PDB file of N, CA and C in Angstrom:
ATOM      1  N   MET A   1     204.807 296.182 188.635  1.00  0.00           N
ATOM      2  CA  MET A   1     204.209 295.649 189.841  1.00  0.00           C
ATOM      3  C   MET A   1     203.993 294.146 189.727  1.00  0.00           C
ATOM      4  N   SER A   2     203.575 293.678 188.562  1.00  0.00           N
ATOM      5  CA  SER A   2     203.305 292.254 188.396  1.00  0.00           C
ATOM      6  C   SER A   2     204.599 291.440 188.489  1.00  0.00           C
ATOM      7  N   LYS A   3     205.711 292.002 188.031  1.00  0.00           N
ATOM      8  CA  LYS A   3     206.987 291.289 188.135  1.00  0.00           C
ATOM      9  C   LYS A   3     207.394 291.140 189.595  1.00  0.00           C
ATOM     10  N   LEU A   4     207.155 292.175 190.404  1.00  0.00           N
ATOM     11  CA  LEU A   4     207.447 292.123 191.832  1.00  0.00           C
ATOM     12  C   LEU A   4     206.589 291.057 192.511  1.00  0.00           C
ATOM     13  N   LEU A   5     205.310 291.024 192.202  1.00  0.00           N
ATOM     14  CA  LEU A   5     204.424 290.012 192.782  1.00  0.00           C
ATOM     15  C   LEU A   5     204.829 288.611 192.351  1.00  0.00           C
ATOM     16  N   ASP A   6     205.206 288.439 191.103  1.00  0.00           N
ATOM     17  CA  ASP A   6     205.648 287.140 190.633  1.00  0.00           C
ATOM     18  C   ASP A   6     206.878 286.669 191.399  1.00  0.00           C
ATOM     19  N   THR A   7     207.785 287.572 191.690  1.00  0.00           N
ATOM     20  CA  THR A   7     208.985 287.229 192.440  1.00  0.00           C
ATOM     21  C   THR A   7     208.639 286.850 193.873  1.00  0.00           C
ATOM     22  N   ILE A   8     207.764 287.597 194.515  1.00  0.00           N
ATOM     23  CA  ILE A   8     207.381 287.319 195.902  1.00  0.00           C
ATOM     24  C   ILE A   8     206.619 286.000 195.998  1.00  0.00           C
ATOM     25  N   ILE A   9     205.689 285.785 195.118  1.00  0.00           N
ATOM     26  CA  ILE A   9     204.861 284.584 195.150  1.00  0.00           C
ATOM     27  C   ILE A   9     205.655 283.359 194.717  1.00  0.00           C
ATOM     28  N   GLY A  10     206.699 283.552 193.986  1.00  0.00           N
ATOM     29  CA  GLY A  10     207.518 282.428 193.572  1.00  0.00           C
ATOM     30  C   GLY A  10     207.342 282.014 192.145  1.00  0.00           C
ATOM     31  N   ARG A  11     206.733 282.839 191.354  1.00  0.00           N
ATOM     32  CA  ARG A  11     206.536 282.503 189.952  1.00  0.00           C
ATOM     33  C   ARG A  11     207.669 283.036 189.092  1.00  0.00           C
ATOM     34  N   SER A  12     208.763 283.366 189.703  1.00  0.00           N
ATOM     35  CA  SER A  12     209.908 283.874 188.959  1.00  0.00           C
ATOM     36  C   SER A  12     210.390 282.805 187.982  1.00  0.00           C
ATOM     37  N   ALA A  13     210.659 283.199 186.764  1.00  0.00           N
ATOM     38  CA  ALA A  13     210.992 282.252 185.703  1.00  0.00           C
ATOM     39  C   ALA A  13     212.322 281.558 185.937  1.00  0.00           C
ATOM     40  N   SER A  14     213.277 282.264 186.485  1.00  0.00           N
ATOM     41  CA  SER A  14     214.583 281.636 186.637  1.00  0.00           C
ATOM     42  C   SER A  14     215.256 282.115 187.919  1.00  0.00           C
ATOM     43  N   VAL A  15     216.017 281.220 188.501  1.00  0.00           N
ATOM     44  CA  VAL A  15     216.819 281.549 189.671  1.00  0.00           C
ATOM     45  C   VAL A  15     218.266 281.388 189.261  1.00  0.00           C
ATOM     46  N   ARG A  16     218.999 282.448 189.441  1.00  0.00           N
ATOM     47  CA  ARG A  16     220.401 282.412 189.032  1.00  0.00           C
ATOM     48  C   ARG A  16     221.256 281.945 190.193  1.00  0.00           C
ATOM     49  N   GLU A  17     222.374 281.328 189.861  1.00  0.00           N
ATOM     50  CA  GLU A  17     223.288 280.820 190.877  1.00  0.00           C
ATOM     51  C   GLU A  17     223.888 281.940 191.705  1.00  0.00           C
ATOM     52  N   ASP A  18     224.097 283.108 191.084  1.00  0.00           N
ATOM     53  CA  ASP A  18     224.682 284.212 191.832  1.00  0.00           C
ATOM     54  C   ASP A  18     223.660 284.908 192.742  1.00  0.00           C
ATOM     55  N   ASP A  19     222.411 284.409 192.788  1.00  0.00           N
ATOM     56  CA  ASP A  19     221.423 284.914 193.736  1.00  0.00           C
ATOM     57  C   ASP A  19     221.686 284.391 195.148  1.00  0.00           C
ATOM     58  N   TYR A  20     222.517 283.376 195.272  1.00  0.00           N
ATOM     59  CA  TYR A  20     222.810 282.746 196.552  1.00  0.00           C
ATOM     60  C   TYR A  20     224.256 282.986 196.950  1.00  0.00           C
ATOM     61  N   MET A  21     224.512 282.959 198.236  1.00  0.00           N
ATOM     62  CA  MET A  21     225.863 283.170 198.747  1.00  0.00           C
ATOM     63  C   MET A  21     226.326 281.894 199.462  1.00  0.00           C
ATOM     64  N   GLU A  22     227.528 281.477 199.220  1.00  0.00           N
ATOM     65  CA  GLU A  22     228.124 280.323 199.874  1.00  0.00           C
ATOM     66  C   GLU A  22     228.566 280.744 201.275  1.00  0.00           C
ATOM     67  N   LEU A  23     228.170 279.975 202.288  1.00  0.00           N
ATOM     68  CA  LEU A  23     228.548 280.285 203.665  1.00  0.00           C
ATOM     69  C   LEU A  23     229.619 279.329 204.136  1.00  0.00           C
ATOM     70  N   ASP A  24     230.602 279.856 204.836  1.00  0.00           N
ATOM     71  CA  ASP A  24     231.654 279.042 205.426  1.00  0.00           C
ATOM     72  C   ASP A  24     231.255 278.751 206.865  1.00  0.00           C
ATOM     73  N   LEU A  25     230.592 277.609 207.093  1.00  0.00           N
ATOM     74  CA  LEU A  25     230.089 277.278 208.422  1.00  0.00           C
ATOM     75  C   LEU A  25     231.189 276.928 209.413  1.00  0.00           C
ATOM     76  N   GLU A  26     232.354 276.539 208.924  1.00  0.00           N
ATOM     77  CA  GLU A  26     233.456 276.218 209.827  1.00  0.00           C
ATOM     78  C   GLU A  26     233.844 277.411 210.684  1.00  0.00           C
ATOM     79  N   ALA A  27     233.674 278.594 210.161  1.00  0.00           N
ATOM     80  CA  ALA A  27     234.002 279.793 210.930  1.00  0.00           C
ATOM     81  C   ALA A  27     233.082 279.930 212.136  1.00  0.00           C
ATOM     82  N   PHE A  28     231.871 279.405 212.046  1.00  0.00           N
ATOM     83  CA  PHE A  28     230.914 279.513 213.134  1.00  0.00           C
ATOM     84  C   PHE A  28     230.910 278.292 214.042  1.00  0.00           C
ATOM     85  N   GLU A  29     231.458 277.199 213.613  1.00  0.00           N
ATOM     86  CA  GLU A  29     231.439 275.960 214.381  1.00  0.00           C
ATOM     87  C   GLU A  29     232.694 275.767 215.212  1.00  0.00           C
ATOM     88  N   GLY A  30     233.507 276.776 215.326  1.00  0.00           N
ATOM     89  CA  GLY A  30     234.671 276.682 216.177  1.00  0.00           C
ATOM     90  C   GLY A  30     235.853 275.984 215.539  1.00  0.00           C
ATOM     91  N   ALA A  31     235.868 275.836 214.227  1.00  0.00           N
ATOM     92  CA  ALA A  31     237.007 275.227 213.557  1.00  0.00           C
ATOM     93  C   ALA A  31     238.210 276.152 213.655  1.00  0.00           C
ATOM     94  N   GLY A  32     239.350 275.563 213.666  1.00  0.00           N
ATOM     95  CA  GLY A  32     240.564 276.368 213.763  1.00  0.00           C
ATOM     96  C   GLY A  32     240.980 276.540 215.214  1.00  0.00           C
ATOM     97  N   GLU A  33     241.664 277.631 215.498  1.00  0.00           N
ATOM     98  CA  GLU A  33     242.147 277.870 216.854  1.00  0.00           C
ATOM     99  C   GLU A  33     241.004 278.258 217.781  1.00  0.00           C
ATOM    100  N   GLU A  34     241.004 277.635 218.949  1.00  0.00           N
ATOM    101  CA  GLU A  34     240.003 277.979 219.949  1.00  0.00           C
ATOM    102  C   GLU A  34     240.571 279.007 220.897  1.00  0.00           C
ATOM    103  N   GLU A  35     239.760 279.984 221.209  1.00  0.00           N
ATOM    104  CA  GLU A  35     240.146 280.950 222.208  1.00  0.00           C
ATOM    105  C   GLU A  35     239.684 280.429 223.556  1.00  0.00           C
ATOM    106  N   ALA A  36     240.496 280.598 224.561  1.00  0.00           N
ATOM    107  CA  ALA A  36     240.127 280.156 225.892  1.00  0.00           C
ATOM    108  C   ALA A  36     238.993 281.018 226.419  1.00  0.00           C
ATOM    109  N   ALA A  37     238.039 280.392 227.060  1.00  0.00           N
ATOM    110  CA  ALA A  37     236.913 281.103 227.652  1.00  0.00           C
ATOM    111  C   ALA A  37     236.993 280.964 229.168  1.00  0.00           C
ATOM    112  N   SER A  38     236.379 281.895 229.854  1.00  0.00           N
ATOM    113  CA  SER A  38     236.390 281.820 231.316  1.00  0.00           C
ATOM    114  C   SER A  38     235.352 280.823 231.819  1.00  0.00           C
ATOM    115  N   MET A  39     234.370 280.493 230.969  1.00  0.00           N
ATOM    116  CA  MET A  39     233.314 279.570 231.359  1.00  0.00           C
ATOM    117  C   MET A  39     232.806 278.836 230.128  1.00  0.00           C
ATOM    118  N   TYR A  40     232.460 277.572 230.303  1.00  0.00           N
ATOM    119  CA  TYR A  40     231.909 276.770 229.218  1.00  0.00           C
ATOM    120  C   TYR A  40     230.541 276.235 229.633  1.00  0.00           C
ATOM    121  N   VAL A  41     229.714 275.920 228.655  1.00  0.00           N
ATOM    122  CA  VAL A  41     228.467 275.198 228.894  1.00  0.00           C
ATOM    123  C   VAL A  41     228.735 273.764 228.469  1.00  0.00           C
ATOM    124  N   LYS A  42     228.653 272.859 229.412  1.00  0.00           N
ATOM    125  CA  LYS A  42     228.948 271.448 229.150  1.00  0.00           C
ATOM    126  C   LYS A  42     227.655 270.647 229.242  1.00  0.00           C
ATOM    127  N   VAL A  43     227.602 269.538 228.531  1.00  0.00           N
ATOM    128  CA  VAL A  43     226.451 268.646 228.543  1.00  0.00           C
ATOM    129  C   VAL A  43     226.916 267.300 229.079  1.00  0.00           C
ATOM    130  N   ALA A  44     226.135 266.739 230.001  1.00  0.00           N
ATOM    131  CA  ALA A  44     226.499 265.467 230.615  1.00  0.00           C
ATOM    132  C   ALA A  44     225.267 264.583 230.747  1.00  0.00           C
ATOM    133  N   THR A  45     225.519 263.297 230.878  1.00  0.00           N
ATOM    134  CA  THR A  45     224.472 262.332 231.175  1.00  0.00           C
ATOM    135  C   THR A  45     224.886 261.574 232.418  1.00  0.00           C
ATOM    136  N   ILE A  46     223.999 261.490 233.367  1.00  0.00           N
ATOM    137  CA  ILE A  46     224.268 260.696 234.562  1.00  0.00           C
ATOM    138  C   ILE A  46     223.364 259.472 234.502  1.00  0.00           C
ATOM    139  N   ALA A  47     223.994 258.309 234.374  1.00  0.00           N
ATOM    140  CA  ALA A  47     223.258 257.054 234.314  1.00  0.00           C
ATOM    141  C   ALA A  47     223.402 256.278 235.614  1.00  0.00           C
ATOM    142  N   ASP A  48     224.395 256.676 236.413  1.00  0.00           N
ATOM    143  CA  ASP A  48     224.687 255.965 237.654  1.00  0.00           C
ATOM    144  C   ASP A  48     225.333 256.942 238.626  1.00  0.00           C
ATOM    145  N   LEU A  49     225.382 256.568 239.867  1.00  0.00           N
ATOM    146  CA  LEU A  49     225.965 257.416 240.902  1.00  0.00           C
ATOM    147  C   LEU A  49     227.440 257.727 240.633  1.00  0.00           C
ATOM    148  N   LYS A  50     228.128 256.812 239.962  1.00  0.00           N
ATOM    149  CA  LYS A  50     229.556 257.006 239.690  1.00  0.00           C
ATOM    150  C   LYS A  50     229.831 258.101 238.652  1.00  0.00           C
ATOM    151  N   ASP A  51     228.806 258.554 237.935  1.00  0.00           N
ATOM    152  CA  ASP A  51     228.971 259.630 236.953  1.00  0.00           C
ATOM    153  C   ASP A  51     228.933 261.013 237.591  1.00  0.00           C
ATOM    154  N   THR A  52     228.460 261.096 238.815  1.00  0.00           N
ATOM    155  CA  THR A  52     228.276 262.380 239.490  1.00  0.00           C
ATOM    156  C   THR A  52     229.571 263.162 239.711  1.00  0.00           C
ATOM    157  N   PRO A  53     230.686 262.532 240.123  1.00  0.00           N
ATOM    158  CA  PRO A  53     231.905 263.328 240.368  1.00  0.00           C
ATOM    159  C   PRO A  53     232.397 264.129 239.166  1.00  0.00           C
ATOM    160  N   LYS A  54     232.237 263.608 237.953  1.00  0.00           N
ATOM    161  CA  LYS A  54     232.674 264.339 236.763  1.00  0.00           C
ATOM    162  C   LYS A  54     231.876 265.633 236.606  1.00  0.00           C
ATOM    163  N   VAL A  55     230.567 265.545 236.844  1.00  0.00           N
ATOM    164  CA  VAL A  55     229.709 266.720 236.747  1.00  0.00           C
ATOM    165  C   VAL A  55     230.070 267.722 237.835  1.00  0.00           C
ATOM    166  N   LYS A  56     230.275 267.229 239.042  1.00  0.00           N
ATOM    167  CA  LYS A  56     230.630 268.098 240.160  1.00  0.00           C
ATOM    168  C   LYS A  56     231.942 268.838 239.875  1.00  0.00           C
ATOM    169  N   ASP A  57     232.914 268.133 239.315  1.00  0.00           N
ATOM    170  CA  ASP A  57     234.202 268.762 238.980  1.00  0.00           C
ATOM    171  C   ASP A  57     234.029 269.904 237.993  1.00  0.00           C
ATOM    172  N   GLU A  58     233.172 269.710 237.002  1.00  0.00           N
ATOM    173  CA  GLU A  58     232.944 270.760 236.007  1.00  0.00           C
ATOM    174  C   GLU A  58     232.344 272.008 236.654  1.00  0.00           C
ATOM    175  N   VAL A  59     231.402 271.821 237.568  1.00  0.00           N
ATOM    176  CA  VAL A  59     230.797 272.966 238.250  1.00  0.00           C
ATOM    177  C   VAL A  59     231.833 273.648 239.151  1.00  0.00           C
ATOM    178  N   TYR A  60     232.628 272.859 239.869  1.00  0.00           N
ATOM    179  CA  TYR A  60     233.682 273.430 240.703  1.00  0.00           C
ATOM    180  C   TYR A  60     234.709 274.192 239.865  1.00  0.00           C
ATOM    181  N   ASN A  61     234.886 273.777 238.608  1.00  0.00           N
ATOM    182  CA  ASN A  61     235.812 274.464 237.703  1.00  0.00           C
ATOM    183  C   ASN A  61     235.200 275.710 237.075  1.00  0.00           C
ATOM    184  N   GLY A  62     233.960 276.024 237.431  1.00  0.00           N
ATOM    185  CA  GLY A  62     233.337 277.260 236.964  1.00  0.00           C
ATOM    186  C   GLY A  62     232.520 277.145 235.698  1.00  0.00           C
ATOM    187  N   ASN A  63     232.150 275.929 235.315  1.00  0.00           N
ATOM    188  CA  ASN A  63     231.373 275.726 234.096  1.00  0.00           C
ATOM    189  C   ASN A  63     229.897 275.498 234.401  1.00  0.00           C
ATOM    190  N   ILE A  64     229.055 275.813 233.431  1.00  0.00           N
ATOM    191  CA  ILE A  64     227.633 275.515 233.511  1.00  0.00           C
ATOM    192  C   ILE A  64     227.444 274.122 232.929  1.00  0.00           C
ATOM    193  N   VAL A  65     226.677 273.279 233.625  1.00  0.00           N
ATOM    194  CA  VAL A  65     226.489 271.911 233.163  1.00  0.00           C
ATOM    195  C   VAL A  65     224.998 271.623 232.996  1.00  0.00           C
ATOM    196  N   ILE A  66     224.646 271.113 231.824  1.00  0.00           N
ATOM    197  CA  ILE A  66     223.292 270.645 231.553  1.00  0.00           C
ATOM    198  C   ILE A  66     223.348 269.129 231.629  1.00  0.00           C
ATOM    199  N   VAL A  67     222.596 268.564 232.578  1.00  0.00           N
ATOM    200  CA  VAL A  67     222.690 267.134 232.859  1.00  0.00           C
ATOM    201  C   VAL A  67     221.402 266.427 232.465  1.00  0.00           C
ATOM    202  N   ASP A  68     221.543 265.379 231.678  1.00  0.00           N
ATOM    203  CA  ASP A  68     220.420 264.514 231.320  1.00  0.00           C
ATOM    204  C   ASP A  68     220.318 263.444 232.411  1.00  0.00           C
ATOM    205  N   VAL A  69     219.208 263.448 233.148  1.00  0.00           N
ATOM    206  CA  VAL A  69     219.026 262.490 234.246  1.00  0.00           C
ATOM    207  C   VAL A  69     217.914 261.484 233.950  1.00  0.00           C
ATOM    208  N   THR A  70     217.518 261.348 232.693  1.00  0.00           N
ATOM    209  CA  THR A  70     216.406 260.455 232.355  1.00  0.00           C
ATOM    210  C   THR A  70     216.713 258.998 232.675  1.00  0.00           C
ATOM    211  N   LYS A  71     217.968 258.594 232.581  1.00  0.00           N
ATOM    212  CA  LYS A  71     218.319 257.203 232.874  1.00  0.00           C
ATOM    213  C   LYS A  71     218.206 256.881 234.357  1.00  0.00           C
ATOM    214  N   LEU A  72     218.201 257.905 235.195  1.00  0.00           N
ATOM    215  CA  LEU A  72     218.078 257.687 236.636  1.00  0.00           C
ATOM    216  C   LEU A  72     216.632 257.534 237.084  1.00  0.00           C
ATOM    217  N   LYS A  73     215.694 257.903 236.234  1.00  0.00           N
ATOM    218  CA  LYS A  73     214.280 257.890 236.607  1.00  0.00           C
ATOM    219  C   LYS A  73     213.783 256.506 237.025  1.00  0.00           C
ATOM    220  N   MET A  74     214.434 255.460 236.565  1.00  0.00           N
ATOM    221  CA  MET A  74     213.991 254.103 236.887  1.00  0.00           C
ATOM    222  C   MET A  74     214.334 253.707 238.322  1.00  0.00           C
ATOM    223  N   ASP A  75     215.340 254.342 238.890  1.00  0.00           N
ATOM    224  CA  ASP A  75     215.756 254.032 240.264  1.00  0.00           C
ATOM    225  C   ASP A  75     215.574 255.286 241.113  1.00  0.00           C
ATOM    226  N   ARG A  76     214.462 255.375 241.792  1.00  0.00           N
ATOM    227  CA  ARG A  76     214.082 256.578 242.544  1.00  0.00           C
ATOM    228  C   ARG A  76     215.110 256.941 243.616  1.00  0.00           C
ATOM    229  N   ILE A  77     215.672 255.953 244.296  1.00  0.00           N
ATOM    230  CA  ILE A  77     216.634 256.216 245.380  1.00  0.00           C
ATOM    231  C   ILE A  77     217.905 256.837 244.820  1.00  0.00           C
ATOM    232  N   THR A  78     218.432 256.272 243.741  1.00  0.00           N
ATOM    233  CA  THR A  78     219.639 256.823 243.120  1.00  0.00           C
ATOM    234  C   THR A  78     219.357 258.212 242.559  1.00  0.00           C
ATOM    235  N   TYR A  79     218.199 258.374 241.944  1.00  0.00           N
ATOM    236  CA  TYR A  79     217.797 259.668 241.388  1.00  0.00           C
ATOM    237  C   TYR A  79     217.809 260.746 242.471  1.00  0.00           C
ATOM    238  N   GLU A  80     217.191 260.469 243.596  1.00  0.00           N
ATOM    239  CA  GLU A  80     217.136 261.447 244.684  1.00  0.00           C
ATOM    240  C   GLU A  80     218.513 261.718 245.280  1.00  0.00           C
ATOM    241  N   ARG A  81     219.344 260.692 245.374  1.00  0.00           N
ATOM    242  CA  ARG A  81     220.697 260.876 245.917  1.00  0.00           C
ATOM    243  C   ARG A  81     221.555 261.746 244.990  1.00  0.00           C
ATOM    244  N   VAL A  82     221.455 261.497 243.684  1.00  0.00           N
ATOM    245  CA  VAL A  82     222.206 262.293 242.708  1.00  0.00           C
ATOM    246  C   VAL A  82     221.741 263.742 242.755  1.00  0.00           C
ATOM    247  N   LEU A  83     220.434 263.966 242.798  1.00  0.00           N
ATOM    248  CA  LEU A  83     219.919 265.334 242.865  1.00  0.00           C
ATOM    249  C   LEU A  83     220.369 266.038 244.138  1.00  0.00           C
ATOM    250  N   LYS A  84     220.402 265.314 245.245  1.00  0.00           N
ATOM    251  CA  LYS A  84     220.894 265.914 246.494  1.00  0.00           C
ATOM    252  C   LYS A  84     222.357 266.314 246.350  1.00  0.00           C
ATOM    253  N   ASP A  85     223.171 265.439 245.759  1.00  0.00           N
ATOM    254  CA  ASP A  85     224.595 265.758 245.539  1.00  0.00           C
ATOM    255  C   ASP A  85     224.749 266.997 244.653  1.00  0.00           C
ATOM    256  N   LEU A  86     223.953 267.072 243.597  1.00  0.00           N
ATOM    257  CA  LEU A  86     224.052 268.208 242.683  1.00  0.00           C
ATOM    258  C   LEU A  86     223.577 269.502 243.352  1.00  0.00           C
ATOM    259  N   LYS A  87     222.534 269.412 244.169  1.00  0.00           N
ATOM    260  CA  LYS A  87     222.067 270.587 244.918  1.00  0.00           C
ATOM    261  C   LYS A  87     223.141 271.059 245.893  1.00  0.00           C
ATOM    262  N   ASP A  88     223.821 270.113 246.532  1.00  0.00           N
ATOM    263  CA  ASP A  88     224.902 270.466 247.457  1.00  0.00           C
ATOM    264  C   ASP A  88     226.050 271.174 246.741  1.00  0.00           C
ATOM    265  N   VAL A  89     226.370 270.717 245.532  1.00  0.00           N
ATOM    266  CA  VAL A  89     227.432 271.363 244.753  1.00  0.00           C
ATOM    267  C   VAL A  89     227.039 272.796 244.420  1.00  0.00           C
ATOM    268  N   ALA A  90     225.806 272.988 243.960  1.00  0.00           N
ATOM    269  CA  ALA A  90     225.343 274.341 243.629  1.00  0.00           C
ATOM    270  C   ALA A  90     225.407 275.239 244.856  1.00  0.00           C
ATOM    271  N   LYS A  91     225.048 274.695 245.998  1.00  0.00           N
ATOM    272  CA  LYS A  91     225.099 275.469 247.244  1.00  0.00           C
ATOM    273  C   LYS A  91     226.547 275.772 247.630  1.00  0.00           C
ATOM    274  N   ASP A  92     227.440 274.789 247.483  1.00  0.00           N
ATOM    275  CA  ASP A  92     228.861 274.968 247.820  1.00  0.00           C
ATOM    276  C   ASP A  92     229.507 276.095 247.031  1.00  0.00           C
ATOM    277  N   VAL A  93     229.164 276.203 245.754  1.00  0.00           N
ATOM    278  CA  VAL A  93     229.812 277.200 244.900  1.00  0.00           C
ATOM    279  C   VAL A  93     228.996 278.484 244.806  1.00  0.00           C
ATOM    280  N   ASN A  94     227.913 278.572 245.588  1.00  0.00           N
ATOM    281  CA  ASN A  94     227.014 279.725 245.554  1.00  0.00           C
ATOM    282  C   ASN A  94     226.450 279.919 244.144  1.00  0.00           C
ATOM    283  N   GLY A  95     226.097 278.785 243.530  1.00  0.00           N
ATOM    284  CA  GLY A  95     225.541 278.804 242.187  1.00  0.00           C
ATOM    285  C   GLY A  95     224.048 278.602 242.217  1.00  0.00           C
ATOM    286  N   ASP A  96     223.529 277.909 241.212  1.00  0.00           N
ATOM    287  CA  ASP A  96     222.094 277.694 241.103  1.00  0.00           C
ATOM    288  C   ASP A  96     221.849 276.351 240.427  1.00  0.00           C
ATOM    289  N   ILE A  97     220.663 275.804 240.648  1.00  0.00           N
ATOM    290  CA  ILE A  97     220.284 274.540 240.026  1.00  0.00           C
ATOM    291  C   ILE A  97     218.786 274.586 239.749  1.00  0.00           C
ATOM    292  N   VAL A  98     218.393 274.050 238.600  1.00  0.00           N
ATOM    293  CA  VAL A  98     216.978 274.013 238.234  1.00  0.00           C
ATOM    294  C   VAL A  98     216.734 272.789 237.365  1.00  0.00           C
ATOM    295  N   GLY A  99     215.539 272.206 237.499  1.00  0.00           N
ATOM    296  CA  GLY A  99     215.141 271.074 236.673  1.00  0.00           C
ATOM    297  C   GLY A  99     214.329 271.556 235.487  1.00  0.00           C
ATOM    298  N   LEU A 100     214.479 270.896 234.359  1.00  0.00           N
ATOM    299  CA  LEU A 100     213.745 271.239 233.131  1.00  0.00           C
ATOM    300  C   LEU A 100     213.078 270.000 232.564  1.00  0.00           C
ATOM    301  N   GLY A 101     212.055 270.223 231.774  1.00  0.00           N
ATOM    302  CA  GLY A 101     211.440 269.140 231.010  1.00  0.00           C
ATOM    303  C   GLY A 101     210.963 267.985 231.853  1.00  0.00           C
ATOM    304  N   ASP A 102     210.065 268.241 232.785  1.00  0.00           N
ATOM    305  CA  ASP A 102     209.561 267.195 233.685  1.00  0.00           C
ATOM    306  C   ASP A 102     210.704 266.493 234.410  1.00  0.00           C
ATOM    307  N   GLN A 103     211.670 267.286 234.817  1.00  0.00           N
ATOM    308  CA  GLN A 103     212.846 266.800 235.553  1.00  0.00           C
ATOM    309  C   GLN A 103     213.689 265.809 234.743  1.00  0.00           C
ATOM    310  N   LYS A 104     213.682 265.942 233.423  1.00  0.00           N
ATOM    311  CA  LYS A 104     214.537 265.114 232.578  1.00  0.00           C
ATOM    312  C   LYS A 104     215.941 265.688 232.492  1.00  0.00           C
ATOM    313  N   TYR A 105     216.023 266.999 232.672  1.00  0.00           N
ATOM    314  CA  TYR A 105     217.305 267.689 232.602  1.00  0.00           C
ATOM    315  C   TYR A 105     217.468 268.561 233.832  1.00  0.00           C
ATOM    316  N   VAL A 106     218.702 268.732 234.242  1.00  0.00           N
ATOM    317  CA  VAL A 106     219.038 269.610 235.358  1.00  0.00           C
ATOM    318  C   VAL A 106     220.148 270.530 234.874  1.00  0.00           C
ATOM    319  N   ILE A 107     220.020 271.819 235.172  1.00  0.00           N
ATOM    320  CA  ILE A 107     221.069 272.783 234.843  1.00  0.00           C
ATOM    321  C   ILE A 107     221.694 273.234 236.149  1.00  0.00           C
ATOM    322  N   ILE A 108     223.018 273.162 236.210  1.00  0.00           N
ATOM    323  CA  ILE A 108     223.756 273.578 237.395  1.00  0.00           C
ATOM    324  C   ILE A 108     224.717 274.678 236.975  1.00  0.00           C
ATOM    325  N   THR A 109     224.714 275.771 237.727  1.00  0.00           N
ATOM    326  CA  THR A 109     225.589 276.898 237.397  1.00  0.00           C
ATOM    327  C   THR A 109     226.569 277.165 238.525  1.00  0.00           C
ATOM    328  N   PRO A 110     227.718 277.723 238.192  1.00  0.00           N
ATOM    329  CA  PRO A 110     228.687 278.090 239.221  1.00  0.00           C
ATOM    330  C   PRO A 110     228.368 279.459 239.824  1.00  0.00           C
ATOM    331  N   MET A 111     229.271 279.924 240.654  1.00  0.00           N
ATOM    332  CA  MET A 111     229.108 281.213 241.318  1.00  0.00           C
ATOM    333  C   MET A 111     228.857 282.330 240.308  1.00  0.00           C
ATOM    334  N   SER A 112     228.055 283.259 240.702  1.00  0.00           N
ATOM    335  CA  SER A 112     227.706 284.470 239.955  1.00  0.00           C
ATOM    336  C   SER A 112     226.824 284.222 238.738  1.00  0.00           C
ATOM    337  N   VAL A 113     226.322 282.994 238.565  1.00  0.00           N
ATOM    338  CA  VAL A 113     225.381 282.722 237.482  1.00  0.00           C
ATOM    339  C   VAL A 113     224.101 282.197 238.118  1.00  0.00           C
ATOM    340  N   LYS A 114     223.022 282.943 237.933  1.00  0.00           N
ATOM    341  CA  LYS A 114     221.725 282.542 238.464  1.00  0.00           C
ATOM    342  C   LYS A 114     220.796 282.207 237.306  1.00  0.00           C
ATOM    343  N   ILE A 115     219.870 281.299 237.531  1.00  0.00           N
ATOM    344  CA  ILE A 115     218.932 280.859 236.511  1.00  0.00           C
ATOM    345  C   ILE A 115     217.577 281.500 236.796  1.00  0.00           C
ATOM    346  N   SER A 116     217.047 282.209 235.829  1.00  0.00           N
ATOM    347  CA  SER A 116     215.741 282.825 235.977  1.00  0.00           C
ATOM    348  C   SER A 116     214.666 281.753 235.874  1.00  0.00           C
ATOM    349  N   ARG A 117     213.666 281.853 236.713  1.00  0.00           N
ATOM    350  CA  ARG A 117     212.553 280.902 236.679  1.00  0.00           C
ATOM    351  C   ARG A 117     211.406 281.406 235.807  1.00  0.00           C
ATOM    352  N   GLU A 118     211.579 282.571 235.210  1.00  0.00           N
ATOM    353  CA  GLU A 118     210.551 283.128 234.329  1.00  0.00           C
ATOM    354  C   GLU A 118     210.735 282.590 232.921  1.00  0.00           C
ATOM    355  N   LYS A 119     209.620 282.166 232.309  1.00  0.00           N
ATOM    356  CA  LYS A 119     209.670 281.670 230.937  1.00  0.00           C
ATOM    357  C   LYS A 119     209.518 282.834 229.978  1.00  0.00           C
ATOM    358  N   ILE A 120     210.213 282.732 228.863  1.00  0.00           N
ATOM    359  CA  ILE A 120     210.123 283.743 227.817  1.00  0.00           C
ATOM    360  C   ILE A 120     209.285 283.159 226.698  1.00  0.00           C
ATOM    361  N   GLY A 121     208.175 283.792 226.383  1.00  0.00           N
ATOM    362  CA  GLY A 121     207.322 283.343 225.295  1.00  0.00           C
ATOM    363  C   GLY A 121     206.630 282.034 225.599  1.00  0.00           C
ATOM    364  N   GLY A 122     206.021 281.466 224.573  1.00  0.00           N
ATOM    365  CA  GLY A 122     205.381 280.165 224.693  1.00  0.00           C
ATOM    366  C   GLY A 122     203.986 280.192 225.263  1.00  0.00           C
ATOM    367  N   GLY A 123     203.430 281.354 225.478  1.00  0.00           N
ATOM    368  CA  GLY A 123     202.062 281.426 225.999  1.00  0.00           C
ATOM    369  C   GLY A 123     201.996 281.126 227.481  1.00  0.00           C
ATOM    370  N   LEU A 124     200.895 280.533 227.889  1.00  0.00           N
ATOM    371  CA  LEU A 124     200.668 280.256 229.318  1.00  0.00           C
ATOM    372  C   LEU A 124     201.398 279.069 229.792  1.00  0.00           C
TER     373      LEU A 124
END
């Protein structure tokens, strides 16, 4: 029993190299051949109105886009115009749009993907 407790508490005298397993992370990071997917999650930053068409194209192509809009916060008029454009795209494709993190990020989804407004965990 004392040997078991010593191992759990960390007082084990020696750690052998064969106690650990080498992991090949490339297998999990998408190295090698990529399989085509029907939908991707893309990340974008909109710093100006001219960045909006690229995001809109991705949503029209059926991808989910997470957009960082923090750079737009300084110009309220541009910020509101970009959000209106993104809302229109979500409506056009029968998708969904939601703001996250004090409106620092916006998630836009294509058709047949809806965003739940319920939070999982995290308390109140």
